Amino acid sequence: MIIAVPAEKESLDSAICQSFGRAPFFCIYDTEAESSRFIDNTAVKASGGAGIEAAQLLVDQQVDALITYRIGENAAKIFKAADTSLLKAVNLSIADNVASFIEGKLAALSEIHSGYHHG
């Protein structure tokens, strides 16, 4: 299974970024290979719709699950269409959240907001 986590830094010891769409990086963790890699979030500097762009970036990476604190409804729709699970992050490192995921200890994400629309 492939898991994505918004990251502040390119390290498994990093904190999870509070902002999904504006996270500097995403950790892509493969539970079968027990390996991780980090990708730049190309949506981080978008003038608008960063969450949507970030969601599409991760769907293109064929992630099966996203661990995050909250997400906008338009990004959530993209993940739902791709049958990607959305899980609630706990206030620990990326590595700790991945371990909690593997142990089945993460709850479904309920913090889906209307998004931060500028206008």
Protein backbone atom coordinates (compact mmCIF):
# COMPACT_ATOMS: atom_id res chain seq x y z
CA MET A 1 0.00 0.00 0.00
CA ILE A 2 1.23 3.49 -0.83
CA ILE A 3 0.66 6.21 1.79
CA ALA A 4 1.15 9.97 1.35
CA VAL A 5 1.85 12.39 4.20
CA PRO A 6 2.31 16.19 3.93
CA ALA A 7 5.77 16.96 5.30
CA GLU A 8 7.54 20.03 6.67
CA LYS A 9 10.97 18.49 5.89
CA GLU A 10 12.36 15.61 3.84
CA SER A 11 12.71 13.28 6.83
CA LEU A 12 10.62 10.56 8.46
CA ASP A 13 11.30 12.39 11.75
CA SER A 14 9.64 15.52 10.33
CA ALA A 15 6.42 16.92 11.69
CA ILE A 16 3.38 16.56 9.48
CA CYS A 17 2.59 19.85 7.78
CA GLN A 18 -0.58 21.47 9.13
CA SER A 19 -1.55 22.64 5.64
CA PHE A 20 -2.18 19.89 3.11
CA GLY A 21 -2.17 21.98 -0.08
CA ARG A 22 0.72 24.21 0.98
CA ALA A 23 2.98 21.49 2.41
CA PRO A 24 6.54 21.88 1.09
CA PHE A 25 6.92 18.12 0.53
CA PHE A 26 4.99 14.88 0.54
CA CYS A 27 6.36 11.67 1.97
CA ILE A 28 5.40 8.71 -0.20
CA TYR A 29 5.68 5.55 1.88
CA ASP A 30 5.39 2.04 0.46
CA THR A 31 4.27 -0.34 3.23
CA GLU A 32 5.21 -3.48 1.27
CA ALA A 33 8.74 -2.35 0.44
CA GLU A 34 9.05 -0.50 3.78
CA SER A 35 10.59 2.39 1.89
CA SER A 36 9.96 6.10 1.67
CA ARG A 37 10.72 8.90 -0.74
CA PHE A 38 9.90 12.57 -0.71
CA ILE A 39 8.53 14.64 -3.55
CA ASP A 40 8.25 18.39 -3.88
CA ASN A 41 4.73 19.74 -3.69
CA THR A 42 4.49 21.60 -6.98
CA ALA A 43 1.22 23.22 -5.80
CA VAL A 44 2.84 25.01 -2.86
CA LYS A 45 3.13 28.34 -4.73
CA ALA A 46 -0.19 28.18 -6.57
CA SER A 47 -2.17 31.41 -6.34
CA GLY A 48 -5.31 29.37 -5.70
CA GLY A 49 -6.49 25.78 -5.73
CA ALA A 50 -3.34 24.44 -4.07
CA GLY A 51 -5.25 21.63 -2.39
CA ILE A 52 -6.78 20.50 -5.67
CA GLU A 53 -3.38 20.55 -7.41
CA ALA A 54 -1.73 18.70 -4.52
CA ALA A 55 -4.50 16.09 -4.51
CA GLN A 56 -4.05 15.46 -8.23
CA LEU A 57 -0.27 15.22 -7.75
CA LEU A 58 -0.78 12.46 -5.18
CA VAL A 59 -3.44 10.64 -7.21
CA ASP A 60 -0.92 10.63 -10.07
CA GLN A 61 1.52 8.96 -7.64
CA GLN A 62 -1.12 6.22 -7.19
CA VAL A 63 -1.38 6.64 -3.43
CA ASP A 64 -3.86 4.40 -1.62
CA ALA A 65 -4.16 6.55 1.51
CA LEU A 66 -3.47 10.09 2.73
CA ILE A 67 -2.65 10.89 6.34
CA THR A 68 -3.32 14.56 7.14
CA TYR A 69 -4.89 16.84 9.77
CA ARG A 70 -7.57 18.35 7.51
CA ILE A 71 -8.35 18.86 3.85
CA GLY A 72 -10.56 21.03 1.68
CA GLU A 73 -13.73 19.58 0.19
CA ASN A 74 -12.58 19.96 -3.44
CA ALA A 75 -9.33 18.08 -2.75
CA ALA A 76 -11.30 15.47 -0.80
CA LYS A 77 -13.54 14.92 -3.85
CA ILE A 78 -10.48 14.15 -5.98
CA PHE A 79 -9.31 11.56 -3.48
CA LYS A 80 -12.79 10.08 -3.17
CA ALA A 81 -13.04 9.72 -6.96
CA ALA A 82 -9.67 7.90 -6.92
CA ASP A 83 -10.82 5.66 -4.04
CA THR A 84 -8.03 6.99 -1.80
CA SER A 85 -8.55 6.64 1.95
CA LEU A 86 -8.32 9.82 4.05
CA LEU A 87 -6.99 9.31 7.56
CA LYS A 88 -6.59 11.64 10.54
CA ALA A 89 -2.99 12.39 11.48
CA VAL A 90 -1.90 12.26 15.10
CA ASN A 91 0.40 14.96 16.44
CA LEU A 92 3.60 12.97 16.03
CA SER A 93 6.28 12.47 13.37
CA ILE A 94 5.66 11.06 9.92
CA ALA A 95 7.30 7.78 11.01
CA ASP A 96 4.97 7.53 14.02
CA ASN A 97 1.91 8.15 11.84
CA VAL A 98 3.03 5.52 9.33
CA ALA A 99 3.49 3.03 12.18
CA SER A 100 0.02 3.89 13.52
CA PHE A 101 -1.40 3.38 10.03
CA ILE A 102 0.22 -0.06 9.71
CA GLU A 103 -1.17 -1.00 13.14
CA GLY A 104 -4.66 0.15 12.08
CA LYS A 105 -4.79 2.86 14.74
CA LEU A 106 -5.65 5.91 12.61
CA ALA A 107 -9.24 7.12 12.37
CA ALA A 108 -10.98 8.27 9.22
CA LEU A 109 -10.51 11.99 8.53
CA SER A 110 -13.55 14.07 9.45
CA GLU A 111 -11.99 17.54 9.22
CA ILE A 112 -13.03 18.39 5.68
CA HIS A 113 -13.50 22.12 5.29
CA SER A 114 -14.90 24.31 2.53
CA GLY A 115 -11.40 25.33 1.43
CA TYR A 116 -9.61 28.65 1.54
CA HIS A 117 -10.99 30.52 -1.41
CA HIS A 118 -9.69 33.97 -2.20
CA GLY A 119 -11.94 36.39 -3.92
